[in-house]
Amino acid sequence: LAAAGLGGGWLPVTFGQDKPKGRDIITRRLPDGHDLPAIGMG
């Protein structure tokens, strides 16, 4: 799904495999290969 653009398409661009310019943040790789910022919010 991710390779076809169906899975990754649900995520905004900030969750893509390339970090946005100017936002050097710590991310972790999700099971589908995309990145997620390592601090969330409860």
Full PDB file with SEQRES, HELIX, SHEET, SSBOND, CRYST1, ORIGX, SCALE, CONECT and MASTER records, all heavy atoms in Angstrom:
SEQRES   1 A   42  LEU ALA ALA ALA GLY LEU GLY GLY GLY TRP LEU PRO VAL          
SEQRES   2 A   42  THR PHE GLY GLN ASP LYS PRO LYS GLY ARG ASP ILE ILE          
SEQRES   3 A   42  THR ARG ARG LEU PRO ASP GLY HIS ASP LEU PRO ALA ILE          
SEQRES   4 A   42  GLY MET GLY                                                  
HELIX    1 AA1 GLY A    8  TRP A   10  5                                   3    
HELIX    2 AA2 VAL A   13  PHE A   15  5                                   3    
SHEET    1 AA1 2 THR A  27  ARG A  29  0                                        
SHEET    2 AA1 2 ASP A  35  PRO A  37 -1                                        
CRYST1    1.000    1.000    1.000  90.00  90.00  90.00 P 1           1          
ORIGX1      1.000000  0.000000  0.000000        0.00000                         
ORIGX2      0.000000  1.000000  0.000000        0.00000                         
ORIGX3      0.000000  0.000000  1.000000        0.00000                         
SCALE1      1.000000  0.000000  0.000000        0.00000                         
SCALE2      0.000000  1.000000  0.000000        0.00000                         
SCALE3      0.000000  0.000000  1.000000        0.00000                         
ATOM      1  N   LEU A   1       0.828  -1.206   0.000  1.00  0.00           N  
ATOM      2  CA  LEU A   1       0.000   0.000   0.000  1.00  0.00           C  
ATOM      3  C   LEU A   1       0.860   1.252   0.000  1.00  0.00           C  
ATOM      4  O   LEU A   1       0.598   2.215  -0.728  1.00  0.00           O  
ATOM      5  CB  LEU A   1      -0.923   0.007   1.228  1.00  0.00           C  
ATOM      6  CG  LEU A   1      -2.150  -0.901   1.184  1.00  0.00           C  
ATOM      7  CD1 LEU A   1      -2.852  -0.873   2.524  1.00  0.00           C  
ATOM      8  CD2 LEU A   1      -3.096  -0.488   0.079  1.00  0.00           C  
ATOM      9  N   ALA A   2       1.905   1.226   0.836  1.00  0.00           N  
ATOM     10  CA  ALA A   2       2.785   2.391   0.912  1.00  0.00           C  
ATOM     11  C   ALA A   2       3.473   2.631  -0.423  1.00  0.00           C  
ATOM     12  O   ALA A   2       3.588   3.767  -0.897  1.00  0.00           O  
ATOM     13  CB  ALA A   2       3.821   2.191   2.012  1.00  0.00           C  
ATOM     14  N   ALA A   3       3.940   1.547  -1.042  1.00  0.00           N  
ATOM     15  CA  ALA A   3       4.641   1.689  -2.326  1.00  0.00           C  
ATOM     16  C   ALA A   3       3.711   2.216  -3.409  1.00  0.00           C  
ATOM     17  O   ALA A   3       4.119   2.958  -4.308  1.00  0.00           O  
ATOM     18  CB  ALA A   3       5.218   0.338  -2.749  1.00  0.00           C  
ATOM     19  N   ALA A   4       2.451   1.837  -3.316  1.00  0.00           N  
ATOM     20  CA  ALA A   4       1.483   2.283  -4.325  1.00  0.00           C  
ATOM     21  C   ALA A   4       0.951   3.680  -4.065  1.00  0.00           C  
ATOM     22  O   ALA A   4       0.188   4.224  -4.844  1.00  0.00           O  
ATOM     23  CB  ALA A   4       0.306   1.293  -4.373  1.00  0.00           C  
ATOM     24  N   GLY A   5       1.329   4.237  -2.899  1.00  0.00           N  
ATOM     25  CA  GLY A   5       0.854   5.571  -2.549  1.00  0.00           C  
ATOM     26  C   GLY A   5      -0.485   5.551  -1.859  1.00  0.00           C  
ATOM     27  O   GLY A   5      -1.061   6.588  -1.590  1.00  0.00           O  
ATOM     28  N   LEU A   6      -1.019   4.369  -1.541  1.00  0.00           N  
ATOM     29  CA  LEU A   6      -2.328   4.291  -0.891  1.00  0.00           C  
ATOM     30  C   LEU A   6      -2.192   4.410   0.609  1.00  0.00           C  
ATOM     31  O   LEU A   6      -2.986   5.072   1.261  1.00  0.00           O  
ATOM     32  CB  LEU A   6      -3.016   2.965  -1.252  1.00  0.00           C  
ATOM     33  CG  LEU A   6      -3.314   2.784  -2.738  1.00  0.00           C  
ATOM     34  CD1 LEU A   6      -3.870   1.380  -2.990  1.00  0.00           C  
ATOM     35  CD2 LEU A   6      -4.287   3.834  -3.232  1.00  0.00           C  
ATOM     36  N   GLY A   7      -1.207   3.731   1.190  1.00  0.00           N  
ATOM     37  CA  GLY A   7      -1.008   3.829   2.630  1.00  0.00           C  
ATOM     38  C   GLY A   7      -0.429   5.173   3.005  1.00  0.00           C  
ATOM     39  O   GLY A   7      -0.958   5.902   3.813  1.00  0.00           O  
ATOM     40  N   GLY A   8       0.719   5.527   2.381  1.00  0.00           N  
ATOM     41  CA  GLY A   8       1.382   6.776   2.717  1.00  0.00           C  
ATOM     42  C   GLY A   8       0.544   7.987   2.403  1.00  0.00           C  
ATOM     43  O   GLY A   8       0.727   9.041   2.981  1.00  0.00           O  
ATOM     44  N   GLY A   9      -0.413   7.851   1.470  1.00  0.00           N  
ATOM     45  CA  GLY A   9      -1.224   8.989   1.092  1.00  0.00           C  
ATOM     46  C   GLY A   9      -2.133   9.475   2.198  1.00  0.00           C  
ATOM     47  O   GLY A   9      -2.619  10.584   2.149  1.00  0.00           O  
ATOM     48  N   TRP A  10      -2.363   8.661   3.194  1.00  0.00           N  
ATOM     49  CA  TRP A  10      -3.213   9.102   4.293  1.00  0.00           C  
ATOM     50  C   TRP A  10      -2.483  10.052   5.216  1.00  0.00           C  
ATOM     51  O   TRP A  10      -3.074  10.771   5.972  1.00  0.00           O  
ATOM     52  CB  TRP A  10      -3.664   7.903   5.123  1.00  0.00           C  
ATOM     53  CG  TRP A  10      -4.518   6.953   4.385  1.00  0.00           C  
ATOM     54  CD1 TRP A  10      -4.982   7.068   3.104  1.00  0.00           C  
ATOM     55  CD2 TRP A  10      -5.005   5.716   4.856  1.00  0.00           C  
ATOM     56  NE1 TRP A  10      -5.722   5.974   2.762  1.00  0.00           N  
ATOM     57  CE2 TRP A  10      -5.756   5.120   3.834  1.00  0.00           C  
ATOM     58  CE3 TRP A  10      -4.880   5.034   6.057  1.00  0.00           C  
ATOM     59  CZ2 TRP A  10      -6.383   3.886   3.972  1.00  0.00           C  
ATOM     60  CZ3 TRP A  10      -5.496   3.804   6.206  1.00  0.00           C  
ATOM     61  CH2 TRP A  10      -6.253   3.249   5.166  1.00  0.00           C  
ATOM     62  N   LEU A  11      -1.162  10.005   5.189  1.00  0.00           N  
ATOM     63  CA  LEU A  11      -0.385  10.821   6.103  1.00  0.00           C  
ATOM     64  C   LEU A  11      -0.065  12.163   5.465  1.00  0.00           C  
ATOM     65  O   LEU A  11       0.247  12.230   4.283  1.00  0.00           O  
ATOM     66  CB  LEU A  11       0.940  10.128   6.446  1.00  0.00           C  
ATOM     67  CG  LEU A  11       0.825   8.906   7.358  1.00  0.00           C  
ATOM     68  CD1 LEU A  11       2.164   8.189   7.393  1.00  0.00           C  
ATOM     69  CD2 LEU A  11       0.424   9.317   8.755  1.00  0.00           C  
ATOM     70  N   PRO A  12      -0.097  13.253   6.248  1.00  0.00           N  
ATOM     71  CA  PRO A  12       0.369  14.524   5.719  1.00  0.00           C  
ATOM     72  C   PRO A  12       1.846  14.428   5.336  1.00  0.00           C  
ATOM     73  O   PRO A  12       2.548  13.520   5.749  1.00  0.00           O  
ATOM     74  CB  PRO A  12       0.167  15.491   6.901  1.00  0.00           C  
ATOM     75  CG  PRO A  12      -0.855  14.826   7.765  1.00  0.00           C  
ATOM     76  CD  PRO A  12      -0.625  13.353   7.599  1.00  0.00           C  
ATOM     77  N   VAL A  13       2.329  15.417   4.593  1.00  0.00           N  
ATOM     78  CA  VAL A  13       3.696  15.353   4.092  1.00  0.00           C  
ATOM     79  C   VAL A  13       4.717  15.264   5.219  1.00  0.00           C  
ATOM     80  O   VAL A  13       5.801  14.738   5.018  1.00  0.00           O  
ATOM     81  CB  VAL A  13       4.014  16.577   3.206  1.00  0.00           C  
ATOM     82  CG1 VAL A  13       3.203  16.527   1.937  1.00  0.00           C  
ATOM     83  CG2 VAL A  13       3.740  17.882   3.945  1.00  0.00           C  
ATOM     84  N   THR A  14       4.406  15.774   6.395  1.00  0.00           N  
ATOM     85  CA  THR A  14       5.367  15.737   7.481  1.00  0.00           C  
ATOM     86  C   THR A  14       5.656  14.323   7.940  1.00  0.00           C  
ATOM     87  O   THR A  14       6.594  14.097   8.684  1.00  0.00           O  
ATOM     88  CB  THR A  14       4.858  16.538   8.691  1.00  0.00           C  
ATOM     89  OG1 THR A  14       3.469  16.273   8.880  1.00  0.00           O  
ATOM     90  CG2 THR A  14       5.059  18.009   8.476  1.00  0.00           C  
ATOM     91  N   PHE A  15       4.864  13.352   7.536  1.00  0.00           N  
ATOM     92  CA  PHE A  15       5.095  11.978   7.934  1.00  0.00           C  
ATOM     93  C   PHE A  15       5.752  11.167   6.828  1.00  0.00           C  
ATOM     94  O   PHE A  15       5.812   9.968   6.891  1.00  0.00           O  
ATOM     95  CB  PHE A  15       3.782  11.291   8.330  1.00  0.00           C  
ATOM     96  CG  PHE A  15       3.053  12.014   9.407  1.00  0.00           C  
ATOM     97  CD1 PHE A  15       1.695  12.212   9.314  1.00  0.00           C  
ATOM     98  CD2 PHE A  15       3.719  12.515  10.497  1.00  0.00           C  
ATOM     99  CE1 PHE A  15       1.012  12.882  10.309  1.00  0.00           C  
ATOM    100  CE2 PHE A  15       3.051  13.194  11.490  1.00  0.00           C  
ATOM    101  CZ  PHE A  15       1.692  13.371  11.392  1.00  0.00           C  
ATOM    102  N   GLY A  16       6.214  11.830   5.770  1.00  0.00           N  
ATOM    103  CA  GLY A  16       6.868  11.118   4.689  1.00  0.00           C  
ATOM    104  C   GLY A  16       8.258  10.650   5.101  1.00  0.00           C  
ATOM    105  O   GLY A  16       8.745  10.935   6.186  1.00  0.00           O  
ATOM    106  N   GLN A  17       8.918   9.947   4.210  1.00  0.00           N  
ATOM    107  CA  GLN A  17      10.222   9.404   4.529  1.00  0.00           C  
ATOM    108  C   GLN A  17      11.303  10.482   4.532  1.00  0.00           C  
ATOM    109  O   GLN A  17      12.374  10.268   5.077  1.00  0.00           O  
ATOM    110  CB  GLN A  17      10.568   8.295   3.530  1.00  0.00           C  
ATOM    111  CG  GLN A  17       9.623   7.101   3.655  1.00  0.00           C  
ATOM    112  CD  GLN A  17       9.951   6.016   2.667  1.00  0.00           C  
ATOM    113  OE1 GLN A  17      10.846   6.156   1.859  1.00  0.00           O  
ATOM    114  NE2 GLN A  17       9.213   4.926   2.725  1.00  0.00           N  
ATOM    115  N   ASP A  18      11.048  11.633   3.937  1.00  0.00           N  
ATOM    116  CA  ASP A  18      11.992  12.740   3.967  1.00  0.00           C  
ATOM    117  C   ASP A  18      11.510  13.768   4.979  1.00  0.00           C  
ATOM    118  O   ASP A  18      10.361  14.201   4.945  1.00  0.00           O  
ATOM    119  CB  ASP A  18      12.106  13.405   2.597  1.00  0.00           C  
ATOM    120  CG  ASP A  18      12.667  12.446   1.552  1.00  0.00           C  
ATOM    121  OD1 ASP A  18      13.544  11.660   1.918  1.00  0.00           O  
ATOM    122  OD2 ASP A  18      12.209  12.493   0.397  1.00  0.00           O  
ATOM    123  N   LYS A  19      12.408  14.192   5.868  1.00  0.00           N  
ATOM    124  CA  LYS A  19      12.040  15.200   6.854  1.00  0.00           C  
ATOM    125  C   LYS A  19      11.844  16.553   6.176  1.00  0.00           C  
ATOM    126  O   LYS A  19      12.586  16.909   5.264  1.00  0.00           O  
ATOM    127  CB  LYS A  19      13.134  15.324   7.914  1.00  0.00           C  
ATOM    128  CG  LYS A  19      13.303  14.088   8.784  1.00  0.00           C  
ATOM    129  CD  LYS A  19      14.404  14.296   9.788  1.00  0.00           C  
ATOM    130  CE  LYS A  19      14.641  13.041  10.613  1.00  0.00           C  
ATOM    131  NZ  LYS A  19      15.741  13.207  11.571  1.00  0.00           N  
ATOM    132  N   PRO A  20      10.851  17.339   6.613  1.00  0.00           N  
ATOM    133  CA  PRO A  20      10.649  18.659   6.027  1.00  0.00           C  
ATOM    134  C   PRO A  20      11.878  19.532   6.257  1.00  0.00           C  
ATOM    135  O   PRO A  20      12.540  19.438   7.278  1.00  0.00           O  
ATOM    136  CB  PRO A  20       9.432  19.204   6.800  1.00  0.00           C  
ATOM    137  CG  PRO A  20       8.791  18.007   7.419  1.00  0.00           C  
ATOM    138  CD  PRO A  20       9.884  17.021   7.645  1.00  0.00           C  
ATOM    139  N   LYS A  21      12.168  20.409   5.308  1.00  0.00           N  
ATOM    140  CA  LYS A  21      13.311  21.301   5.445  1.00  0.00           C  
ATOM    141  C   LYS A  21      13.114  22.209   6.645  1.00  0.00           C  
ATOM    142  O   LYS A  21      12.034  22.727   6.893  1.00  0.00           O  
ATOM    143  CB  LYS A  21      13.480  22.137   4.174  1.00  0.00           C  
ATOM    144  CG  LYS A  21      13.898  21.307   2.964  1.00  0.00           C  
ATOM    145  CD  LYS A  21      14.064  22.175   1.741  1.00  0.00           C  
ATOM    146  CE  LYS A  21      14.488  21.334   0.538  1.00  0.00           C  
ATOM    147  NZ  LYS A  21      14.627  22.162  -0.683  1.00  0.00           N  
ATOM    148  N   GLY A  22      14.190  22.417   7.395  1.00  0.00           N  
ATOM    149  CA  GLY A  22      14.131  23.307   8.542  1.00  0.00           C  
ATOM    150  C   GLY A  22      13.511  22.681   9.768  1.00  0.00           C  
ATOM    151  O   GLY A  22      13.320  23.351  10.767  1.00  0.00           O  
ATOM    152  N   ARG A  23      13.168  21.405   9.721  1.00  0.00           N  
ATOM    153  CA  ARG A  23      12.551  20.763  10.891  1.00  0.00           C  
ATOM    154  C   ARG A  23      13.336  19.498  11.219  1.00  0.00           C  
ATOM    155  O   ARG A  23      12.895  18.395  10.956  1.00  0.00           O  
ATOM    156  CB  ARG A  23      11.084  20.451  10.605  1.00  0.00           C  
ATOM    157  CG  ARG A  23      10.257  21.679  10.295  1.00  0.00           C  
ATOM    158  CD  ARG A  23       8.800  21.317  10.095  1.00  0.00           C  
ATOM    159  NE  ARG A  23       8.170  20.935  11.332  1.00  0.00           N  
ATOM    160  CZ  ARG A  23       6.934  20.443  11.409  1.00  0.00           C  
ATOM    161  NH1 ARG A  23       6.230  20.275  10.328  1.00  0.00           N  
ATOM    162  NH2 ARG A  23       6.412  20.109  12.569  1.00  0.00           N  
ATOM    163  N   ASP A  24      14.514  19.702  11.755  1.00  0.00           N  
ATOM    164  CA  ASP A  24      15.402  18.591  12.066  1.00  0.00           C  
ATOM    165  C   ASP A  24      14.959  17.975  13.384  1.00  0.00           C  
ATOM    166  O   ASP A  24      15.486  18.296  14.458  1.00  0.00           O  
ATOM    167  CB  ASP A  24      16.849  19.082  12.133  1.00  0.00           C  
ATOM    168  CG  ASP A  24      17.822  17.934  12.298  1.00  0.00           C  
ATOM    169  OD1 ASP A  24      17.423  16.784  12.035  1.00  0.00           O  
ATOM    170  OD2 ASP A  24      18.968  18.181  12.712  1.00  0.00           O  
ATOM    171  N   ILE A  25      13.972  17.118  13.317  1.00  0.00           N  
ATOM    172  CA  ILE A  25      13.396  16.531  14.523  1.00  0.00           C  
ATOM    173  C   ILE A  25      13.676  15.033  14.572  1.00  0.00           C  
ATOM    174  O   ILE A  25      13.985  14.411  13.566  1.00  0.00           O  
ATOM    175  CB  ILE A  25      11.875  16.795  14.603  1.00  0.00           C  
ATOM    176  CG1 ILE A  25      11.166  16.164  13.410  1.00  0.00           C  
ATOM    177  CG2 ILE A  25      11.599  18.290  14.691  1.00  0.00           C  
ATOM    178  CD1 ILE A  25       9.660  16.313  13.460  1.00  0.00           C  
ATOM    179  N   ILE A  26      13.575  14.484  15.771  1.00  0.00           N  
ATOM    180  CA  ILE A  26      13.795  13.057  15.965  1.00  0.00           C  
ATOM    181  C   ILE A  26      12.540  12.310  15.552  1.00  0.00           C  
ATOM    182  O   ILE A  26      11.442  12.586  16.046  1.00  0.00           O  
ATOM    183  CB  ILE A  26      14.135  12.768  17.442  1.00  0.00           C  
ATOM    184  CG1 ILE A  26      15.426  13.485  17.835  1.00  0.00           C  
ATOM    185  CG2 ILE A  26      14.267  11.262  17.681  1.00  0.00           C  
ATOM    186  CD1 ILE A  26      15.686  13.498  19.329  1.00  0.00           C  
ATOM    187  N   THR A  27      12.690  11.383  14.638  1.00  0.00           N  
ATOM    188  CA  THR A  27      11.563  10.579  14.175  1.00  0.00           C  
ATOM    189  C   THR A  27      11.877   9.104  14.338  1.00  0.00           C  
ATOM    190  O   THR A  27      13.031   8.709  14.508  1.00  0.00           O  
ATOM    191  CB  THR A  27      11.247  10.864  12.694  1.00  0.00           C  
ATOM    192  OG1 THR A  27      12.381  10.523  11.893  1.00  0.00           O  
ATOM    193  CG2 THR A  27      10.886  12.328  12.481  1.00  0.00           C  
ATOM    194  N   ARG A  28      10.831   8.306  14.264  1.00  0.00           N  
ATOM    195  CA  ARG A  28      10.975   6.858  14.296  1.00  0.00           C  
ATOM    196  C   ARG A  28      10.193   6.259  13.141  1.00  0.00           C  
ATOM    197  O   ARG A  28       9.149   6.780  12.738  1.00  0.00           O  
ATOM    198  CB  ARG A  28      10.449   6.296  15.638  1.00  0.00           C  
ATOM    199  CG  ARG A  28      11.336   6.658  16.821  1.00  0.00           C  
ATOM    200  CD  ARG A  28      12.662   5.924  16.750  1.00  0.00           C  
ATOM    201  NE  ARG A  28      13.578   6.310  17.818  1.00  0.00           N  
ATOM    202  CZ  ARG A  28      14.549   7.180  17.700  1.00  0.00           C  
ATOM    203  NH1 ARG A  28      14.711   7.816  16.550  1.00  0.00           N  
ATOM    204  NH2 ARG A  28      15.352   7.439  18.703  1.00  0.00           N  
ATOM    205  N   ARG A  29      10.686   5.162  12.613  1.00  0.00           N  
ATOM    206  CA  ARG A  29      10.092   4.534  11.446  1.00  0.00           C  
ATOM    207  C   ARG A  29       8.877   3.694  11.835  1.00  0.00           C  
ATOM    208  O   ARG A  29       8.936   2.879  12.767  1.00  0.00           O  
ATOM    209  CB  ARG A  29      11.137   3.656  10.744  1.00  0.00           C  
ATOM    210  CG  ARG A  29      10.758   3.123   9.375  1.00  0.00           C  
ATOM    211  CD  ARG A  29      10.400   4.182   8.373  1.00  0.00           C  
ATOM    212  NE  ARG A  29      11.347   5.260   8.214  1.00  0.00           N  
ATOM    213  CZ  ARG A  29      12.305   5.285   7.291  1.00  0.00           C  
ATOM    214  NH1 ARG A  29      12.458   4.275   6.459  1.00  0.00           N  
ATOM    215  NH2 ARG A  29      13.093   6.338   7.184  1.00  0.00           N  
ATOM    216  N   LEU A  30       7.780   3.881  11.121  1.00  0.00           N  
ATOM    217  CA  LEU A  30       6.563   3.116  11.338  1.00  0.00           C  
ATOM    218  C   LEU A  30       6.623   1.792  10.579  1.00  0.00           C  
ATOM    219  O   LEU A  30       7.453   1.610   9.688  1.00  0.00           O  
ATOM    220  CB  LEU A  30       5.357   3.931  10.878  1.00  0.00           C  
ATOM    221  CG  LEU A  30       5.058   5.188  11.701  1.00  0.00           C  
ATOM    222  CD1 LEU A  30       3.942   5.980  11.048  1.00  0.00           C  
ATOM    223  CD2 LEU A  30       4.700   4.832  13.135  1.00  0.00           C  
ATOM    224  N   PRO A  31       5.735   0.851  10.882  1.00  0.00           N  
ATOM    225  CA  PRO A  31       5.764  -0.447  10.194  1.00  0.00           C  
ATOM    226  C   PRO A  31       5.611  -0.365   8.681  1.00  0.00           C  
ATOM    227  O   PRO A  31       6.047  -1.272   7.973  1.00  0.00           O  
ATOM    228  CB  PRO A  31       4.583  -1.199  10.831  1.00  0.00           C  
ATOM    229  CG  PRO A  31       4.461  -0.623  12.194  1.00  0.00           C  
ATOM    230  CD  PRO A  31       4.792   0.837  12.026  1.00  0.00           C  
ATOM    231  N   ASP A  32       5.000   0.707   8.171  1.00  0.00           N  
ATOM    232  CA  ASP A  32       4.834   0.819   6.711  1.00  0.00           C  
ATOM    233  C   ASP A  32       5.962   1.602   6.054  1.00  0.00           C  
ATOM    234  O   ASP A  32       5.905   1.888   4.867  1.00  0.00           O  
ATOM    235  CB  ASP A  32       3.483   1.436   6.358  1.00  0.00           C  
ATOM    236  CG  ASP A  32       3.379   2.902   6.741  1.00  0.00           C  
ATOM    237  OD1 ASP A  32       4.302   3.411   7.423  1.00  0.00           O  
ATOM    238  OD2 ASP A  32       2.391   3.553   6.361  1.00  0.00           O  
ATOM    239  N   GLY A  33       6.984   1.969   6.824  1.00  0.00           N  
ATOM    240  CA  GLY A  33       8.146   2.628   6.253  1.00  0.00           C  
ATOM    241  C   GLY A  33       8.156   4.133   6.350  1.00  0.00           C  
ATOM    242  O   GLY A  33       9.149   4.762   5.983  1.00  0.00           O  
ATOM    243  N   HIS A  34       7.084   4.749   6.842  1.00  0.00           N  
ATOM    244  CA  HIS A  34       7.052   6.190   7.012  1.00  0.00           C  
ATOM    245  C   HIS A  34       7.582   6.573   8.394  1.00  0.00           C  
ATOM    246  O   HIS A  34       7.692   5.740   9.282  1.00  0.00           O  
ATOM    247  CB  HIS A  34       5.633   6.720   6.810  1.00  0.00           C  
ATOM    248  CG  HIS A  34       5.212   6.722   5.379  1.00  0.00           C  
ATOM    249  ND1 HIS A  34       4.726   5.599   4.764  1.00  0.00           N  
ATOM    250  CD2 HIS A  34       5.232   7.695   4.435  1.00  0.00           C  
ATOM    251  CE1 HIS A  34       4.449   5.881   3.498  1.00  0.00           C  
ATOM    252  NE2 HIS A  34       4.754   7.145   3.275  1.00  0.00           N  
ATOM    253  N   ASP A  35       7.891   7.853   8.547  1.00  0.00           N  
ATOM    254  CA  ASP A  35       8.454   8.357   9.799  1.00  0.00           C  
ATOM    255  C   ASP A  35       7.385   9.041  10.646  1.00  0.00           C  
ATOM    256  O   ASP A  35       6.436   9.626  10.107  1.00  0.00           O  
ATOM    257  CB  ASP A  35       9.584   9.353   9.525  1.00  0.00           C  
ATOM    258  CG  ASP A  35      10.828   8.682   8.974  1.00  0.00           C  
ATOM    259  OD1 ASP A  35      10.965   7.460   9.162  1.00  0.00           O  
ATOM    260  OD2 ASP A  35      11.651   9.372   8.341  1.00  0.00           O  
ATOM    261  N   LEU A  36       7.581   9.020  11.957  1.00  0.00           N  
ATOM    262  CA  LEU A  36       6.686   9.683  12.899  1.00  0.00           C  
ATOM    263  C   LEU A  36       7.524  10.418  13.927  1.00  0.00           C  
ATOM    264  O   LEU A  36       8.482   9.847  14.461  1.00  0.00           O  
ATOM    265  CB  LEU A  36       5.800   8.648  13.602  1.00  0.00           C  
ATOM    266  CG  LEU A  36       4.762   9.192  14.584  1.00  0.00           C  
ATOM    267  CD1 LEU A  36       3.604   9.837  13.823  1.00  0.00           C  
ATOM    268  CD2 LEU A  36       4.244   8.088  15.496  1.00  0.00           C  
ATOM    269  N   PRO A  37       7.211  11.684  14.241  1.00  0.00           N  
ATOM    270  CA  PRO A  37       7.927  12.378  15.316  1.00  0.00           C  
ATOM    271  C   PRO A  37       7.836  11.587  16.624  1.00  0.00           C  
ATOM    272  O   PRO A  37       6.778  11.060  16.973  1.00  0.00           O  
ATOM    273  CB  PRO A  37       7.190  13.716  15.416  1.00  0.00           C  
ATOM    274  CG  PRO A  37       6.644  13.938  14.040  1.00  0.00           C  
ATOM    275  CD  PRO A  37       6.252  12.572  13.554  1.00  0.00           C  
ATOM    276  N   ALA A  38       8.949  11.522  17.343  1.00  0.00           N  
ATOM    277  CA  ALA A  38       9.065  10.606  18.475  1.00  0.00           C  
ATOM    278  C   ALA A  38       8.406  11.108  19.755  1.00  0.00           C  
ATOM    279  O   ALA A  38       8.306  10.360  20.733  1.00  0.00           O  
ATOM    280  CB  ALA A  38      10.545  10.309  18.749  1.00  0.00           C  
ATOM    281  N   ILE A  39       7.950  12.343  19.780  1.00  0.00           N  
ATOM    282  CA  ILE A  39       7.183  12.857  20.923  1.00  0.00           C  
ATOM    283  C   ILE A  39       5.767  13.154  20.450  1.00  0.00           C  
ATOM    284  O   ILE A  39       5.557  13.921  19.505  1.00  0.00           O  
ATOM    285  CB  ILE A  39       7.812  14.119  21.527  1.00  0.00           C  
ATOM    286  CG1 ILE A  39       9.230  13.844  22.004  1.00  0.00           C  
ATOM    287  CG2 ILE A  39       6.954  14.634  22.691  1.00  0.00           C  
ATOM    288  CD1 ILE A  39       9.346  12.786  23.086  1.00  0.00           C  
ATOM    289  N   GLY A  40       4.808  12.509  21.096  1.00  0.00           N  
ATOM    290  CA  GLY A  40       3.401  12.745  20.815  1.00  0.00           C  
ATOM    291  C   GLY A  40       2.744  13.462  21.976  1.00  0.00           C  
ATOM    292  O   GLY A  40       3.414  14.028  22.853  1.00  0.00           O  
ATOM    293  N   MET A  41       1.421  13.402  22.006  1.00  0.00           N  
ATOM    294  CA  MET A  41       0.664  14.109  23.040  1.00  0.00           C  
ATOM    295  C   MET A  41      -0.481  13.245  23.530  1.00  0.00           C  
ATOM    296  O   MET A  41      -1.287  12.756  22.740  1.00  0.00           O  
ATOM    297  CB  MET A  41       0.110  15.426  22.478  1.00  0.00           C  
ATOM    298  CG  MET A  41      -0.562  16.310  23.516  1.00  0.00           C  
ATOM    299  SD  MET A  41      -1.320  17.790  22.784  1.00  0.00           S  
ATOM    300  CE  MET A  41      -2.954  17.166  22.412  1.00  0.00           C  
ATOM    301  N   GLY A  42      -0.562  13.059  24.831  1.00  0.00           N  
ATOM    302  CA  GLY A  42      -1.704  12.388  25.428  1.00  0.00           C  
ATOM    303  C   GLY A  42      -2.769  13.393  25.818  1.00  0.00           C  
ATOM    304  O   GLY A  42      -2.503  14.594  25.935  1.00  0.00           O  
TER     305      GLY A  42                                                      
MASTER        0    0    0    2    2    0    0    6  304    1    0    4          
END                                                                             
